[in-house]
Amino acid sequence: MQCENKYMSSILSKDSVGIFTHGINIIRNMMKNNSCKIIPVHERPDLLIDCCKLINSEWPSSDTRRLRTLSMSCDSFPTCLVLLNNDNVIGHCKISLVPNLNDSCFIESVVIDFGCRSQGFGSILMKGTEDYVRHKGIKNVYLSTKGQEKFYEKNGYSICEPINMWDNRTEIISTNPVLTNKQTQIFSGPPPPPMPKYSSTYSPIITSKTYMIKQL
């Protein structure tokens, strides 16, 4: 897939020999931003197949299962965003709300087309995703990674405690307080049931992945 803008060759012409590398990178990023856009995939159903192929190129799965997940994308979350370069699908990520954590979302399935990597498109996708969720009232963005910590640190993320994305993530623990002799004499009947004790939203999780957070 061709990801470089067709005008890049003119920038690297003889007239540009004296331009520093930093300046070239700035121009390249400006051109990418002009040719790139990020949209929810449910606004472009015609992109579902290409998006499915992109995700499966990184994490192989059945097309049926992948398309079913993509078809669940909606404005109220979960939302699947696609990064387009000249209307070609080159990136994807999925956004879900975090249960029991207000104003928080979890980003997963972040992928850039193999031929477009190491060109800044990953950072463009993350920045666009953060802008999207910020407009939705999200203040905290979580994600998990294995081996890409440096990339996310470069984009403003820091390591945090793991979070549980299951709906039943709040565990109710029954406690049985021991009554003293004085307390026992007060009750004429059996004591009332103890109040439930709610565990922390950061439930213990055994995982090999690194969890990270960025506050918007």
N, C-alpha and C. Protein backbone atom coordinates (compact mmCIF):
# COMPACT_ATOMS: atom_id res chain seq x y z
N MET A 1 0.85 -1.19 0.00
CA MET A 1 0.00 0.00 0.00
C MET A 1 0.89 1.24 0.00
N GLN A 2 0.62 2.16 -0.91
CA GLN A 2 1.44 3.36 -1.00
C GLN A 2 0.94 4.38 -0.01
N CYS A 3 1.82 4.76 0.96
CA CYS A 3 1.40 5.66 2.03
C CYS A 3 2.05 7.02 1.93
N GLU A 4 3.10 7.16 1.15
CA GLU A 4 3.73 8.46 1.02
C GLU A 4 2.93 9.32 0.06
N ASN A 5 2.79 10.60 0.37
CA ASN A 5 2.05 11.51 -0.48
C ASN A 5 2.76 11.65 -1.82
N LYS A 6 2.00 11.80 -2.89
CA LYS A 6 2.59 11.84 -4.23
C LYS A 6 3.46 13.07 -4.44
N TYR A 7 3.30 14.08 -3.56
CA TYR A 7 4.10 15.28 -3.70
C TYR A 7 5.41 15.23 -2.93
N MET A 8 5.69 14.12 -2.24
CA MET A 8 6.89 14.03 -1.43
C MET A 8 8.14 14.15 -2.28
N SER A 9 8.10 13.63 -3.50
CA SER A 9 9.28 13.65 -4.35
C SER A 9 9.72 15.07 -4.66
N SER A 10 8.74 15.98 -4.80
CA SER A 10 9.09 17.37 -5.09
C SER A 10 9.78 18.04 -3.92
N ILE A 11 9.44 17.61 -2.71
CA ILE A 11 10.06 18.18 -1.52
C ILE A 11 11.53 17.77 -1.44
N LEU A 12 11.83 16.56 -1.94
CA LEU A 12 13.19 16.04 -1.87
C LEU A 12 13.98 16.34 -3.14
N SER A 13 13.55 17.34 -3.91
CA SER A 13 14.23 17.71 -5.15
C SER A 13 15.49 18.51 -4.85
N LYS A 14 16.16 18.97 -5.91
CA LYS A 14 17.41 19.72 -5.74
C LYS A 14 17.20 20.98 -4.92
N ASP A 15 16.06 21.63 -5.10
CA ASP A 15 15.81 22.87 -4.38
C ASP A 15 15.71 22.65 -2.88
N SER A 16 15.58 21.38 -2.45
CA SER A 16 15.37 21.09 -1.03
C SER A 16 16.62 20.52 -0.37
N VAL A 17 17.74 20.51 -1.11
CA VAL A 17 18.95 19.89 -0.57
C VAL A 17 19.37 20.54 0.73
N GLY A 18 19.16 21.84 0.86
CA GLY A 18 19.62 22.54 2.05
C GLY A 18 18.67 22.48 3.23
N ILE A 19 17.54 21.81 3.09
CA ILE A 19 16.57 21.74 4.19
C ILE A 19 17.03 20.72 5.21
N PHE A 20 17.01 21.09 6.46
CA PHE A 20 17.38 20.15 7.52
C PHE A 20 16.35 19.04 7.62
N THR A 21 16.79 17.90 8.16
CA THR A 21 15.90 16.75 8.33
C THR A 21 14.69 17.11 9.17
N HIS A 22 14.90 17.91 10.21
CA HIS A 22 13.78 18.30 11.07
C HIS A 22 12.73 19.05 10.27
N GLY A 23 13.18 19.94 9.39
CA GLY A 23 12.23 20.69 8.58
C GLY A 23 11.47 19.80 7.63
N ILE A 24 12.16 18.81 7.07
CA ILE A 24 11.50 17.86 6.16
C ILE A 24 10.43 17.08 6.90
N ASN A 25 10.75 16.67 8.13
CA ASN A 25 9.77 15.92 8.92
C ASN A 25 8.54 16.75 9.21
N ILE A 26 8.72 18.03 9.48
CA ILE A 26 7.57 18.91 9.73
C ILE A 26 6.69 18.98 8.50
N ILE A 27 7.31 19.17 7.33
CA ILE A 27 6.54 19.25 6.08
C ILE A 27 5.83 17.93 5.81
N ARG A 28 6.54 16.81 6.05
CA ARG A 28 5.94 15.49 5.83
C ARG A 28 4.71 15.29 6.72
N ASN A 29 4.82 15.70 7.99
CA ASN A 29 3.70 15.54 8.91
C ASN A 29 2.52 16.42 8.50
N MET A 30 2.80 17.63 8.02
CA MET A 30 1.73 18.51 7.56
C MET A 30 1.00 17.88 6.38
N MET A 31 1.75 17.27 5.48
CA MET A 31 1.14 16.64 4.31
C MET A 31 0.32 15.43 4.71
N LYS A 32 0.82 14.67 5.68
CA LYS A 32 0.08 13.50 6.15
C LYS A 32 -1.24 13.92 6.78
N ASN A 33 -1.18 14.98 7.59
CA ASN A 33 -2.40 15.44 8.24
C ASN A 33 -3.43 15.89 7.22
N ASN A 34 -2.97 16.47 6.12
CA ASN A 34 -3.89 16.93 5.08
C ASN A 34 -4.51 15.76 4.32
N SER A 35 -3.77 14.66 4.19
CA SER A 35 -4.28 13.52 3.42
C SER A 35 -4.95 12.47 4.29
N CYS A 36 -4.83 12.63 5.62
CA CYS A 36 -5.38 11.64 6.55
C CYS A 36 -6.64 12.16 7.24
N LYS A 37 -7.52 11.24 7.55
CA LYS A 37 -8.67 11.57 8.38
C LYS A 37 -9.09 10.33 9.15
N ILE A 38 -9.74 10.56 10.28
CA ILE A 38 -10.18 9.48 11.15
C ILE A 38 -11.69 9.55 11.29
N ILE A 39 -12.36 8.45 11.03
CA ILE A 39 -13.82 8.43 11.10
C ILE A 39 -14.28 7.14 11.76
N PRO A 40 -15.47 7.15 12.38
CA PRO A 40 -16.06 5.90 12.89
C PRO A 40 -16.43 5.01 11.71
N VAL A 41 -16.13 3.72 11.83
CA VAL A 41 -16.36 2.83 10.70
C VAL A 41 -17.85 2.69 10.39
N HIS A 42 -18.73 2.91 11.39
CA HIS A 42 -20.16 2.77 11.10
C HIS A 42 -20.69 3.90 10.22
N GLU A 43 -19.88 4.94 10.03
CA GLU A 43 -20.26 5.99 9.10
C GLU A 43 -19.87 5.66 7.66
N ARG A 44 -19.03 4.63 7.52
CA ARG A 44 -18.60 4.18 6.18
C ARG A 44 -18.66 2.66 6.11
N PRO A 45 -19.86 2.09 6.02
CA PRO A 45 -19.98 0.62 5.96
C PRO A 45 -19.20 0.01 4.81
N ASP A 46 -18.93 0.79 3.77
CA ASP A 46 -18.18 0.26 2.63
C ASP A 46 -16.72 -0.05 2.98
N LEU A 47 -16.28 0.42 4.16
CA LEU A 47 -14.90 0.18 4.58
C LEU A 47 -14.76 -1.03 5.49
N LEU A 48 -15.86 -1.68 5.82
CA LEU A 48 -15.82 -2.79 6.78
C LEU A 48 -14.90 -3.92 6.32
N ILE A 49 -14.97 -4.29 5.06
CA ILE A 49 -14.16 -5.40 4.56
C ILE A 49 -12.68 -5.07 4.65
N ASP A 50 -12.30 -3.86 4.21
CA ASP A 50 -10.89 -3.46 4.27
C ASP A 50 -10.41 -3.38 5.71
N CYS A 51 -11.27 -2.90 6.59
CA CYS A 51 -10.90 -2.81 8.00
C CYS A 51 -10.72 -4.20 8.60
N CYS A 52 -11.60 -5.10 8.23
CA CYS A 52 -11.51 -6.49 8.68
C CYS A 52 -10.19 -7.12 8.24
N LYS A 53 -9.81 -6.90 7.00
CA LYS A 53 -8.55 -7.45 6.48
C LYS A 53 -7.35 -6.88 7.22
N LEU A 54 -7.40 -5.59 7.53
CA LEU A 54 -6.29 -4.96 8.24
C LEU A 54 -6.11 -5.56 9.63
N ILE A 55 -7.20 -5.70 10.38
CA ILE A 55 -7.11 -6.26 11.73
C ILE A 55 -6.65 -7.71 11.69
N ASN A 56 -7.20 -8.48 10.76
CA ASN A 56 -6.83 -9.89 10.67
C ASN A 56 -5.39 -10.10 10.21
N SER A 57 -4.82 -9.10 9.55
CA SER A 57 -3.41 -9.20 9.16
C SER A 57 -2.50 -9.17 10.38
N GLU A 58 -2.99 -8.59 11.47
CA GLU A 58 -2.21 -8.52 12.72
C GLU A 58 -2.63 -9.60 13.70
N TRP A 59 -3.94 -9.81 13.82
CA TRP A 59 -4.49 -10.83 14.74
C TRP A 59 -5.47 -11.70 13.95
N PRO A 60 -4.99 -12.78 13.36
CA PRO A 60 -5.85 -13.61 12.51
C PRO A 60 -7.08 -14.12 13.24
N SER A 61 -8.22 -13.99 12.60
CA SER A 61 -9.49 -14.48 13.12
C SER A 61 -10.43 -14.67 11.94
N SER A 62 -11.58 -15.25 12.19
CA SER A 62 -12.53 -15.45 11.10
C SER A 62 -13.13 -14.11 10.68
N ASP A 63 -13.38 -13.97 9.39
CA ASP A 63 -13.99 -12.73 8.90
C ASP A 63 -15.35 -12.51 9.54
N THR A 64 -16.10 -13.60 9.74
CA THR A 64 -17.44 -13.48 10.32
C THR A 64 -17.37 -12.87 11.72
N ARG A 65 -16.47 -13.37 12.53
CA ARG A 65 -16.33 -12.85 13.89
C ARG A 65 -15.87 -11.40 13.88
N ARG A 66 -14.91 -11.10 13.02
CA ARG A 66 -14.37 -9.74 12.98
C ARG A 66 -15.42 -8.75 12.48
N LEU A 67 -16.15 -9.12 11.45
CA LEU A 67 -17.18 -8.23 10.91
C LEU A 67 -18.31 -8.03 11.90
N ARG A 68 -18.60 -9.05 12.69
CA ARG A 68 -19.63 -8.91 13.71
C ARG A 68 -19.22 -7.86 14.74
N THR A 69 -17.96 -7.90 15.16
CA THR A 69 -17.46 -6.91 16.12
C THR A 69 -17.47 -5.51 15.52
N LEU A 70 -17.02 -5.39 14.29
CA LEU A 70 -16.99 -4.08 13.64
C LEU A 70 -18.39 -3.51 13.45
N SER A 71 -19.36 -4.38 13.19
CA SER A 71 -20.73 -3.92 12.95
C SER A 71 -21.40 -3.41 14.22
N MET A 72 -20.78 -3.68 15.39
CA MET A 72 -21.32 -3.19 16.65
C MET A 72 -20.90 -1.75 16.94
N SER A 73 -20.04 -1.20 16.12
CA SER A 73 -19.57 0.17 16.32
C SER A 73 -20.74 1.15 16.25
N CYS A 74 -20.76 2.11 17.19
CA CYS A 74 -21.84 3.09 17.24
C CYS A 74 -21.32 4.36 17.91
N ASP A 75 -22.14 5.41 17.87
CA ASP A 75 -21.73 6.69 18.46
C ASP A 75 -21.63 6.64 19.97
N SER A 76 -22.39 5.76 20.61
CA SER A 76 -22.44 5.71 22.07
C SER A 76 -21.50 4.67 22.67
N PHE A 77 -20.58 4.14 21.89
CA PHE A 77 -19.58 3.14 22.31
C PHE A 77 -20.21 1.75 22.45
N PRO A 78 -19.48 0.71 22.08
CA PRO A 78 -18.11 0.76 21.55
C PRO A 78 -18.05 1.39 20.16
N THR A 79 -16.93 2.02 19.87
CA THR A 79 -16.74 2.68 18.59
C THR A 79 -15.44 2.21 17.96
N CYS A 80 -15.51 1.84 16.70
CA CYS A 80 -14.31 1.47 15.95
C CYS A 80 -13.95 2.62 15.01
N LEU A 81 -12.75 3.16 15.18
CA LEU A 81 -12.29 4.25 14.34
C LEU A 81 -11.32 3.70 13.29
N VAL A 82 -11.36 4.29 12.10
CA VAL A 82 -10.43 3.91 11.05
C VAL A 82 -9.64 5.14 10.62
N LEU A 83 -8.36 4.92 10.37
CA LEU A 83 -7.49 5.97 9.84
C LEU A 83 -7.41 5.80 8.33
N LEU A 84 -7.78 6.84 7.62
CA LEU A 84 -7.76 6.81 6.16
C LEU A 84 -6.64 7.69 5.63
N ASN A 85 -5.93 7.20 4.65
CA ASN A 85 -4.94 7.99 3.94
C ASN A 85 -5.32 7.97 2.47
N ASN A 86 -5.76 9.12 1.97
CA ASN A 86 -6.28 9.18 0.60
C ASN A 86 -7.38 8.15 0.38
N ASP A 87 -8.24 8.01 1.40
CA ASP A 87 -9.41 7.13 1.39
C ASP A 87 -9.05 5.64 1.44
N ASN A 88 -7.81 5.32 1.75
CA ASN A 88 -7.40 3.93 1.96
C ASN A 88 -7.30 3.65 3.45
N VAL A 89 -7.83 2.51 3.89
CA VAL A 89 -7.79 2.14 5.30
C VAL A 89 -6.36 1.73 5.66
N ILE A 90 -5.72 2.49 6.56
CA ILE A 90 -4.35 2.15 6.97
C ILE A 90 -4.23 2.00 8.49
N GLY A 91 -5.31 2.28 9.23
CA GLY A 91 -5.23 2.16 10.69
C GLY A 91 -6.59 1.91 11.30
N HIS A 92 -6.58 1.34 12.51
CA HIS A 92 -7.83 1.04 13.22
C HIS A 92 -7.58 1.02 14.72
N CYS A 93 -8.60 1.38 15.48
CA CYS A 93 -8.61 1.15 16.93
C CYS A 93 -10.06 1.06 17.40
N LYS A 94 -10.25 0.36 18.49
CA LYS A 94 -11.58 0.19 19.08
C LYS A 94 -11.61 0.89 20.43
N ILE A 95 -12.71 1.60 20.70
CA ILE A 95 -12.88 2.34 21.95
C ILE A 95 -14.08 1.79 22.70
N SER A 96 -13.88 1.47 23.97
CA SER A 96 -14.97 1.00 24.83
C SER A 96 -14.95 1.79 26.13
N LEU A 97 -16.12 1.96 26.74
CA LEU A 97 -16.18 2.59 28.05
C LEU A 97 -15.67 1.63 29.11
N VAL A 98 -15.09 2.16 30.17
CA VAL A 98 -14.59 1.34 31.27
C VAL A 98 -15.69 1.24 32.33
N PRO A 99 -16.17 0.04 32.64
CA PRO A 99 -17.22 -0.11 33.66
C PRO A 99 -16.78 0.45 35.00
N ASN A 100 -17.67 1.18 35.64
CA ASN A 100 -17.47 1.70 36.99
C ASN A 100 -16.34 2.72 37.12
N LEU A 101 -15.84 3.21 36.01
CA LEU A 101 -14.86 4.31 36.05
C LEU A 101 -15.42 5.45 35.21
N ASN A 102 -15.83 6.51 35.88
CA ASN A 102 -16.46 7.61 35.18
C ASN A 102 -15.48 8.31 34.22
N ASP A 103 -16.02 8.77 33.12
CA ASP A 103 -15.25 9.57 32.16
C ASP A 103 -14.00 8.85 31.67
N SER A 104 -14.07 7.53 31.54
CA SER A 104 -12.90 6.76 31.14
C SER A 104 -13.23 5.81 30.00
N CYS A 105 -12.25 5.60 29.13
CA CYS A 105 -12.43 4.65 28.03
C CYS A 105 -11.18 3.79 27.90
N PHE A 106 -11.33 2.70 27.18
CA PHE A 106 -10.23 1.75 26.95
C PHE A 106 -10.04 1.60 25.45
N ILE A 107 -8.82 1.80 24.99
CA ILE A 107 -8.49 1.67 23.57
C ILE A 107 -7.79 0.34 23.33
N GLU A 108 -8.23 -0.37 22.32
CA GLU A 108 -7.63 -1.67 22.00
C GLU A 108 -7.61 -1.88 20.49
N SER A 109 -7.02 -2.98 20.09
CA SER A 109 -6.93 -3.34 18.66
C SER A 109 -6.36 -2.20 17.83
N VAL A 110 -5.32 -1.57 18.37
CA VAL A 110 -4.64 -0.49 17.64
C VAL A 110 -3.69 -1.12 16.62
N VAL A 111 -3.89 -0.80 15.37
CA VAL A 111 -3.06 -1.40 14.33
C VAL A 111 -2.88 -0.43 13.17
N ILE A 112 -1.68 -0.42 12.61
CA ILE A 112 -1.36 0.35 11.41
C ILE A 112 -0.92 -0.63 10.34
N ASP A 113 -1.35 -0.40 9.11
CA ASP A 113 -0.95 -1.25 7.99
C ASP A 113 0.57 -1.41 7.97
N PHE A 114 1.03 -2.64 7.76
CA PHE A 114 2.45 -2.96 7.86
C PHE A 114 3.30 -2.05 6.96
N GLY A 115 2.83 -1.77 5.76
CA GLY A 115 3.59 -0.94 4.84
C GLY A 115 3.61 0.53 5.19
N CYS A 116 2.84 0.92 6.20
CA CYS A 116 2.75 2.33 6.58
C CYS A 116 3.34 2.61 7.96
N ARG A 117 4.02 1.63 8.53
CA ARG A 117 4.56 1.80 9.88
C ARG A 117 5.86 2.61 9.87
N SER A 118 6.19 3.13 11.06
CA SER A 118 7.41 3.93 11.24
C SER A 118 7.40 5.18 10.38
N GLN A 119 6.21 5.71 10.12
CA GLN A 119 6.07 6.93 9.33
C GLN A 119 5.22 7.98 10.05
N GLY A 120 4.90 7.72 11.32
CA GLY A 120 4.14 8.70 12.09
C GLY A 120 2.64 8.49 12.09
N PHE A 121 2.16 7.49 11.35
CA PHE A 121 0.72 7.28 11.28
C PHE A 121 0.13 6.77 12.60
N GLY A 122 0.93 6.03 13.37
CA GLY A 122 0.44 5.56 14.66
C GLY A 122 0.14 6.71 15.60
N SER A 123 1.02 7.69 15.62
CA SER A 123 0.79 8.87 16.47
C SER A 123 -0.39 9.68 15.97
N ILE A 124 -0.56 9.75 14.65
CA ILE A 124 -1.72 10.45 14.09
C ILE A 124 -3.00 9.76 14.52
N LEU A 125 -3.02 8.43 14.49
CA LEU A 125 -4.20 7.68 14.92
C LEU A 125 -4.50 7.92 16.39
N MET A 126 -3.48 7.89 17.25
CA MET A 126 -3.69 8.09 18.68
C MET A 126 -4.20 9.50 18.95
N LYS A 127 -3.59 10.50 18.32
CA LYS A 127 -4.02 11.88 18.54
C LYS A 127 -5.46 12.08 18.10
N GLY A 128 -5.80 11.55 16.93
CA GLY A 128 -7.17 11.69 16.45
C GLY A 128 -8.17 10.97 17.33
N THR A 129 -7.79 9.81 17.85
CA THR A 129 -8.66 9.06 18.75
C THR A 129 -8.88 9.83 20.04
N GLU A 130 -7.83 10.41 20.58
CA GLU A 130 -7.96 11.20 21.81
C GLU A 130 -8.85 12.42 21.60
N ASP A 131 -8.72 13.07 20.45
CA ASP A 131 -9.59 14.21 20.15
C ASP A 131 -11.05 13.76 20.07
N TYR A 132 -11.27 12.60 19.47
CA TYR A 132 -12.63 12.07 19.33
C TYR A 132 -13.27 11.82 20.69
N VAL A 133 -12.56 11.12 21.57
CA VAL A 133 -13.16 10.78 22.87
C VAL A 133 -13.25 12.01 23.78
N ARG A 134 -12.34 12.96 23.61
CA ARG A 134 -12.42 14.19 24.40
C ARG A 134 -13.73 14.92 24.12
N HIS A 135 -14.13 14.95 22.87
CA HIS A 135 -15.39 15.60 22.51
C HIS A 135 -16.60 14.82 23.02
N LYS A 136 -16.38 13.57 23.41
CA LYS A 136 -17.44 12.75 23.99
C LYS A 136 -17.46 12.85 25.52
N GLY A 137 -16.60 13.69 26.09
CA GLY A 137 -16.58 13.86 27.54
C GLY A 137 -15.62 12.94 28.27
N ILE A 138 -14.81 12.19 27.54
CA ILE A 138 -13.84 11.29 28.17
C ILE A 138 -12.64 12.08 28.68
N LYS A 139 -12.20 11.74 29.90
CA LYS A 139 -11.06 12.43 30.51
C LYS A 139 -9.86 11.51 30.74
N ASN A 140 -10.10 10.21 30.79
CA ASN A 140 -9.02 9.25 31.03
C ASN A 140 -9.04 8.17 29.96
N VAL A 141 -7.90 7.95 29.33
CA VAL A 141 -7.79 6.94 28.28
C VAL A 141 -6.85 5.84 28.77
N TYR A 142 -7.36 4.61 28.80
CA TYR A 142 -6.57 3.45 29.21
C TYR A 142 -6.27 2.57 27.99
N LEU A 143 -5.19 1.81 28.09
CA LEU A 143 -4.87 0.81 27.07
C LEU A 143 -3.92 -0.20 27.68
N SER A 144 -3.72 -1.30 26.99
CA SER A 144 -2.74 -2.29 27.42
C SER A 144 -1.86 -2.64 26.23
N THR A 145 -0.62 -2.96 26.51
CA THR A 145 0.32 -3.25 25.43
C THR A 145 1.37 -4.24 25.90
N LYS A 146 2.03 -4.86 24.97
CA LYS A 146 3.14 -5.75 25.27
C LYS A 146 4.22 -5.52 24.24
N GLY A 147 5.21 -4.72 24.62
CA GLY A 147 6.32 -4.44 23.72
C GLY A 147 6.28 -3.08 23.06
N GLN A 148 5.17 -2.34 23.21
CA GLN A 148 5.06 -1.02 22.59
C GLN A 148 5.00 0.10 23.63
N GLU A 149 5.54 -0.15 24.81
CA GLU A 149 5.48 0.85 25.88
C GLU A 149 6.16 2.16 25.48
N LYS A 150 7.29 2.08 24.80
CA LYS A 150 8.02 3.29 24.42
C LYS A 150 7.20 4.16 23.48
N PHE A 151 6.50 3.52 22.55
CA PHE A 151 5.66 4.28 21.61
C PHE A 151 4.59 5.05 22.36
N TYR A 152 3.91 4.38 23.29
CA TYR A 152 2.83 5.05 24.01
C TYR A 152 3.35 6.09 24.99
N GLU A 153 4.52 5.84 25.58
CA GLU A 153 5.13 6.86 26.44
C GLU A 153 5.44 8.11 25.63
N LYS A 154 5.92 7.93 24.41
CA LYS A 154 6.20 9.06 23.53
C LYS A 154 4.94 9.86 23.24
N ASN A 155 3.79 9.19 23.27
CA ASN A 155 2.52 9.85 23.00
C ASN A 155 1.79 10.27 24.27
N GLY A 156 2.50 10.31 25.40
CA GLY A 156 1.95 10.89 26.62
C GLY A 156 1.32 9.93 27.60
N TYR A 157 1.47 8.62 27.39
CA TYR A 157 0.88 7.64 28.30
C TYR A 157 1.88 7.23 29.37
N SER A 158 1.36 6.86 30.53
CA SER A 158 2.20 6.40 31.63
C SER A 158 1.65 5.09 32.18
N ILE A 159 2.52 4.29 32.76
CA ILE A 159 2.14 2.98 33.28
C ILE A 159 1.23 3.13 34.49
N CYS A 160 0.21 2.28 34.57
CA CYS A 160 -0.74 2.33 35.68
C CYS A 160 -1.11 0.91 36.11
N GLU A 161 -1.93 0.81 37.14
CA GLU A 161 -2.42 -0.48 37.60
C GLU A 161 -3.36 -1.08 36.54
N PRO A 162 -3.40 -2.40 36.41
CA PRO A 162 -4.34 -3.03 35.48
C PRO A 162 -5.78 -2.72 35.86
N ILE A 163 -6.64 -2.65 34.87
CA ILE A 163 -8.06 -2.46 35.11
C ILE A 163 -8.81 -3.65 34.53
N ASN A 164 -9.97 -3.92 35.10
CA ASN A 164 -10.81 -5.04 34.68
C ASN A 164 -11.93 -4.52 33.80
N MET A 165 -12.03 -5.02 32.59
CA MET A 165 -13.03 -4.55 31.65
C MET A 165 -14.31 -5.37 31.66
N TRP A 166 -14.38 -6.38 32.53
CA TRP A 166 -15.60 -7.18 32.60
C TRP A 166 -16.71 -6.40 33.29
N ASP A 167 -17.97 -6.67 32.90
CA ASP A 167 -19.10 -5.97 33.49
C ASP A 167 -19.25 -6.27 34.97
N ASN A 168 -18.89 -7.49 35.38
CA ASN A 168 -19.06 -7.88 36.78
C ASN A 168 -17.77 -7.66 37.56
N ARG A 169 -17.07 -6.61 37.21
CA ARG A 169 -15.76 -6.35 37.77
C ARG A 169 -15.81 -5.97 39.25
N THR A 170 -16.93 -5.47 39.77
CA THR A 170 -17.02 -5.10 41.17
C THR A 170 -17.39 -6.31 41.99
N GLU A 171 -16.49 -6.78 42.78
CA GLU A 171 -16.71 -7.98 43.58
C GLU A 171 -17.29 -7.61 44.94
N ILE A 172 -18.34 -8.29 45.37
CA ILE A 172 -18.94 -8.07 46.68
C ILE A 172 -18.40 -9.10 47.65
N ILE A 173 -17.76 -8.64 48.68
CA ILE A 173 -17.16 -9.53 49.67
C ILE A 173 -17.97 -9.46 50.95
N SER A 174 -18.47 -10.60 51.42
CA SER A 174 -19.25 -10.64 52.66
C SER A 174 -18.30 -10.65 53.85
N THR A 175 -18.59 -9.78 54.81
CA THR A 175 -17.78 -9.72 56.03
C THR A 175 -18.63 -10.15 57.20
N ASN A 176 -18.03 -10.77 58.19
CA ASN A 176 -18.73 -11.24 59.38
C ASN A 176 -18.07 -10.66 60.62
N PRO A 177 -18.44 -9.45 61.03
CA PRO A 177 -17.82 -8.84 62.20
C PRO A 177 -18.17 -9.60 63.47
N VAL A 178 -17.22 -9.66 64.36
CA VAL A 178 -17.42 -10.35 65.64
C VAL A 178 -18.02 -9.37 66.63
N LEU A 179 -19.16 -9.74 67.23
CA LEU A 179 -19.82 -8.88 68.20
C LEU A 179 -19.23 -9.09 69.59
N THR A 180 -19.09 -8.00 70.32
CA THR A 180 -18.63 -8.10 71.70
C THR A 180 -19.79 -8.55 72.58
N ASN A 181 -19.51 -8.90 73.82
CA ASN A 181 -20.56 -9.33 74.76
C ASN A 181 -21.59 -8.23 74.96
N LYS A 182 -21.13 -6.97 75.03
CA LYS A 182 -22.05 -5.85 75.25
C LYS A 182 -22.97 -5.69 74.06
N GLN A 183 -22.40 -5.82 72.82
CA GLN A 183 -23.22 -5.69 71.63
C GLN A 183 -24.22 -6.83 71.54
N THR A 184 -23.83 -8.03 71.98
CA THR A 184 -24.72 -9.18 71.92
C THR A 184 -25.93 -8.98 72.80
N GLN A 185 -25.78 -8.32 73.93
CA GLN A 185 -26.88 -8.13 74.86
C GLN A 185 -27.91 -7.15 74.32
N ILE A 186 -27.51 -6.26 73.41
CA ILE A 186 -28.43 -5.25 72.89
C ILE A 186 -29.48 -5.88 71.99
N PHE A 187 -29.10 -6.88 71.21
CA PHE A 187 -30.00 -7.47 70.24
C PHE A 187 -30.85 -8.55 70.90
N SER A 188 -32.16 -8.45 70.73
CA SER A 188 -33.06 -9.48 71.23
C SER A 188 -33.19 -10.61 70.22
N GLY A 189 -32.88 -10.32 68.96
CA GLY A 189 -32.95 -11.32 67.90
C GLY A 189 -31.61 -11.46 67.22
N PRO A 190 -31.58 -12.13 66.11
CA PRO A 190 -30.31 -12.30 65.39
C PRO A 190 -29.81 -10.95 64.88
N PRO A 191 -28.52 -10.78 64.80
CA PRO A 191 -27.96 -9.51 64.33
C PRO A 191 -28.30 -9.28 62.87
N PRO A 192 -28.36 -8.03 62.43
CA PRO A 192 -28.64 -7.74 61.02
C PRO A 192 -27.48 -8.20 60.16
N PRO A 193 -27.75 -8.48 58.90
CA PRO A 193 -26.66 -8.92 58.02
C PRO A 193 -25.63 -7.82 57.85
N PRO A 194 -24.38 -8.20 57.72
CA PRO A 194 -23.33 -7.18 57.57
C PRO A 194 -23.47 -6.46 56.24
N MET A 195 -23.01 -5.21 56.21
CA MET A 195 -23.04 -4.43 54.98
C MET A 195 -22.02 -5.02 54.01
N PRO A 196 -22.37 -5.06 52.73
CA PRO A 196 -21.40 -5.59 51.76
C PRO A 196 -20.21 -4.67 51.63
N LYS A 197 -19.08 -5.25 51.38
CA LYS A 197 -17.85 -4.50 51.21
C LYS A 197 -17.43 -4.59 49.75
N TYR A 198 -17.34 -3.43 49.10
CA TYR A 198 -17.00 -3.39 47.68
C TYR A 198 -15.48 -3.30 47.53
N SER A 199 -14.99 -4.10 46.64
CA SER A 199 -13.55 -4.08 46.41
C SER A 199 -13.18 -2.87 45.57
N SER A 200 -11.90 -2.60 45.48
CA SER A 200 -11.41 -1.49 44.68
C SER A 200 -11.73 -1.72 43.21
N THR A 201 -11.89 -0.62 42.45
CA THR A 201 -12.12 -0.76 41.02
C THR A 201 -10.94 -1.41 40.34
N TYR A 202 -9.77 -1.34 40.94
CA TYR A 202 -8.61 -2.02 40.39
C TYR A 202 -8.54 -3.43 40.97
N SER A 203 -9.35 -4.34 40.44
CA SER A 203 -9.37 -5.71 40.91
C SER A 203 -8.07 -6.40 40.53
N PRO A 204 -7.62 -7.35 41.37
CA PRO A 204 -6.38 -8.05 41.04
C PRO A 204 -6.49 -8.76 39.70
N ILE A 205 -5.55 -8.52 38.83
CA ILE A 205 -5.56 -9.13 37.51
C ILE A 205 -4.18 -9.71 37.24
N ILE A 206 -4.14 -10.95 36.78
CA ILE A 206 -2.88 -11.56 36.39
C ILE A 206 -2.74 -11.39 34.89
N THR A 207 -1.76 -10.63 34.47
CA THR A 207 -1.60 -10.34 33.05
C THR A 207 -0.14 -10.10 32.73
N SER A 208 0.23 -10.42 31.51
CA SER A 208 1.60 -10.16 31.05
C SER A 208 1.70 -8.83 30.32
N LYS A 209 0.58 -8.16 30.14
CA LYS A 209 0.57 -6.89 29.44
C LYS A 209 0.81 -5.72 30.39
N THR A 210 1.27 -4.62 29.82
CA THR A 210 1.47 -3.38 30.57
C THR A 210 0.26 -2.49 30.35
N TYR A 211 -0.35 -2.04 31.43
CA TYR A 211 -1.49 -1.13 31.33
C TYR A 211 -0.99 0.30 31.46
N MET A 212 -1.59 1.18 30.65
CA MET A 212 -1.15 2.57 30.62
C MET A 212 -2.36 3.49 30.59
N ILE A 213 -2.14 4.74 31.01
CA ILE A 213 -3.21 5.73 31.08
C ILE A 213 -2.71 7.08 30.59
N LYS A 214 -3.61 7.83 30.00
CA LYS A 214 -3.34 9.23 29.65
C LYS A 214 -4.53 10.06 30.06
N GLN A 215 -4.28 11.12 30.80
CA GLN A 215 -5.34 12.03 31.21
C GLN A 215 -5.45 13.15 30.18
N LEU A 216 -6.64 13.34 29.66
CA LEU A 216 -6.85 14.34 28.61
C LEU A 216 -7.14 15.71 29.19
